Amino acid sequence: MTINEIPLNIPPSSGLQALRLRKVQEKTGLCKSAIYAKAKVGQFPAPIKLGGSRTSGWLEHEIDFWLQQQVEDSRKTGGVQ
């Protein structure tokens, strides 16, 4: 499954949570430049605009899905490449 195929059917009780860059960095362990570089080529969820033109965030369920995919891919290949 690719980033573009992330399921959007979120249970109503869970709600949507937007994460700012610092939280995405903490959650993924990636630096700012890696996050934006991967998003640019479709290897990471793209940010969304939050209100103003300069404020961006990422949907938490998309980040969680990406992390789960990283775990699954790592386990398939036997760990660090």
C-alpha atoms as a PDB file:
ATOM      1  CA  MET A   1       0.000   0.000   0.000  1.00  0.00           C
ATOM      2  CA  THR A   2       1.333   3.425  -0.874  1.00  0.00           C
ATOM      3  CA  ILE A   3       0.978   6.754   0.918  1.00  0.00           C
ATOM      4  CA  ASN A   4      -1.775   7.692  -1.546  1.00  0.00           C
ATOM      5  CA  GLU A   5      -3.759   4.630  -0.438  1.00  0.00           C
ATOM      6  CA  ILE A   6      -3.971   5.528   3.264  1.00  0.00           C
ATOM      7  CA  PRO A   7      -7.467   4.668   4.458  1.00  0.00           C
ATOM      8  CA  LEU A   8      -9.590   7.726   5.155  1.00  0.00           C
ATOM      9  CA  ASN A   9     -12.395   5.891   6.937  1.00  0.00           C
ATOM     10  CA  ILE A  10     -11.632   6.960  10.490  1.00  0.00           C
ATOM     11  CA  PRO A  11     -14.024   5.785  13.197  1.00  0.00           C
ATOM     12  CA  PRO A  12     -16.146   8.794  14.282  1.00  0.00           C
ATOM     13  CA  SER A  13     -15.191   8.284  17.925  1.00  0.00           C
ATOM     14  CA  SER A  14     -11.484   8.696  17.195  1.00  0.00           C
ATOM     15  CA  GLY A  15     -11.786  12.098  15.536  1.00  0.00           C
ATOM     16  CA  LEU A  16      -9.062  13.715  13.517  1.00  0.00           C
ATOM     17  CA  GLN A  17      -5.918  15.013  15.138  1.00  0.00           C
ATOM     18  CA  ALA A  18      -3.470  17.314  13.364  1.00  0.00           C
ATOM     19  CA  LEU A  19       0.157  17.187  14.446  1.00  0.00           C
ATOM     20  CA  ARG A  20       2.584  20.065  14.059  1.00  0.00           C
ATOM     21  CA  LEU A  21       6.074  19.451  12.692  1.00  0.00           C
ATOM     22  CA  ARG A  22       7.776  19.042  16.083  1.00  0.00           C
ATOM     23  CA  LYS A  23       5.353  16.258  17.085  1.00  0.00           C
ATOM     24  CA  VAL A  24       5.812  14.533  13.715  1.00  0.00           C
ATOM     25  CA  GLN A  25       9.582  14.678  14.218  1.00  0.00           C
ATOM     26  CA  GLU A  26       9.258  13.238  17.728  1.00  0.00           C
ATOM     27  CA  LYS A  27       6.908  10.497  16.589  1.00  0.00           C
ATOM     28  CA  THR A  28       8.923   9.416  13.536  1.00  0.00           C
ATOM     29  CA  GLY A  29      12.489  10.244  14.488  1.00  0.00           C
ATOM     30  CA  LEU A  30      12.910  12.055  11.161  1.00  0.00           C
ATOM     31  CA  CYS A  31      14.363  15.537  10.793  1.00  0.00           C
ATOM     32  CA  LYS A  32      12.465  18.374   9.128  1.00  0.00           C
ATOM     33  CA  SER A  33      14.309  18.104   5.810  1.00  0.00           C
ATOM     34  CA  ALA A  34      13.728  14.323   5.606  1.00  0.00           C
ATOM     35  CA  ILE A  35      10.011  14.738   6.297  1.00  0.00           C
ATOM     36  CA  TYR A  36       9.577  17.310   3.537  1.00  0.00           C
ATOM     37  CA  ALA A  37      11.841  15.445   1.087  1.00  0.00           C
ATOM     38  CA  LYS A  38       9.954  12.173   1.566  1.00  0.00           C
ATOM     39  CA  ALA A  39       6.582  13.941   1.309  1.00  0.00           C
ATOM     40  CA  LYS A  40       7.680  15.610  -1.933  1.00  0.00           C
ATOM     41  CA  VAL A  41       8.315  12.242  -3.609  1.00  0.00           C
ATOM     42  CA  GLY A  42       5.254  10.508  -2.104  1.00  0.00           C
ATOM     43  CA  GLN A  43       7.104   8.440   0.508  1.00  0.00           C
ATOM     44  CA  PHE A  44       5.549  10.238   3.476  1.00  0.00           C
ATOM     45  CA  PRO A  45       2.132  11.801   4.107  1.00  0.00           C
ATOM     46  CA  ALA A  46       1.816  15.328   2.760  1.00  0.00           C
ATOM     47  CA  PRO A  47       1.125  18.151   5.195  1.00  0.00           C
ATOM     48  CA  ILE A  48      -2.198  19.940   5.208  1.00  0.00           C
ATOM     49  CA  LYS A  49      -2.821  23.661   5.631  1.00  0.00           C
ATOM     50  CA  LEU A  50      -4.227  24.636   9.012  1.00  0.00           C
ATOM     51  CA  GLY A  51      -6.032  27.923   8.783  1.00  0.00           C
ATOM     52  CA  GLY A  52      -3.354  30.370   7.699  1.00  0.00           C
ATOM     53  CA  SER A  53      -1.156  29.994   4.678  1.00  0.00           C
ATOM     54  CA  ARG A  54       1.971  29.421   6.804  1.00  0.00           C
ATOM     55  CA  THR A  55       0.602  26.899   9.279  1.00  0.00           C
ATOM     56  CA  SER A  56       0.842  23.218   8.346  1.00  0.00           C
ATOM     57  CA  GLY A  57       0.182  19.963  10.098  1.00  0.00           C
ATOM     58  CA  TRP A  58      -0.080  16.260   9.442  1.00  0.00           C
ATOM     59  CA  LEU A  59      -3.030  14.019  10.170  1.00  0.00           C
ATOM     60  CA  GLU A  60      -2.048  11.749  13.027  1.00  0.00           C
ATOM     61  CA  HIS A  61      -3.724   8.667  11.556  1.00  0.00           C
ATOM     62  CA  GLU A  62      -1.675   9.103   8.360  1.00  0.00           C
ATOM     63  CA  ILE A  63       1.549   9.313  10.368  1.00  0.00           C
ATOM     64  CA  ASP A  64       0.517   6.244  12.395  1.00  0.00           C
ATOM     65  CA  PHE A  65      -0.255   4.351   9.194  1.00  0.00           C
ATOM     66  CA  TRP A  66       3.142   5.332   7.725  1.00  0.00           C
ATOM     67  CA  LEU A  67       4.894   4.132  10.888  1.00  0.00           C
ATOM     68  CA  GLN A  68       3.027   0.824  10.774  1.00  0.00           C
ATOM     69  CA  GLN A  69       4.079   0.365   7.141  1.00  0.00           C
ATOM     70  CA  GLN A  70       7.708   1.005   8.144  1.00  0.00           C
ATOM     71  CA  VAL A  71       7.472  -1.701  10.805  1.00  0.00           C
ATOM     72  CA  GLU A  72       5.905  -4.180   8.382  1.00  0.00           C
ATOM     73  CA  ASP A  73       8.450  -3.417   5.642  1.00  0.00           C
ATOM     74  CA  SER A  74      11.312  -3.741   8.120  1.00  0.00           C
ATOM     75  CA  ARG A  75      10.081  -7.097   9.355  1.00  0.00           C
ATOM     76  CA  LYS A  76       9.680  -8.403   5.791  1.00  0.00           C
ATOM     77  CA  THR A  77      13.258  -7.499   4.878  1.00  0.00           C
ATOM     78  CA  GLY A  78      14.742  -8.643   8.166  1.00  0.00           C
ATOM     79  CA  GLY A  79      15.506  -5.290   9.731  1.00  0.00           C
ATOM     80  CA  VAL A  80      18.045  -2.624   8.884  1.00  0.00           C
ATOM     81  CA  GLN A  81      19.098  -2.389   5.274  1.00  0.00           C
END
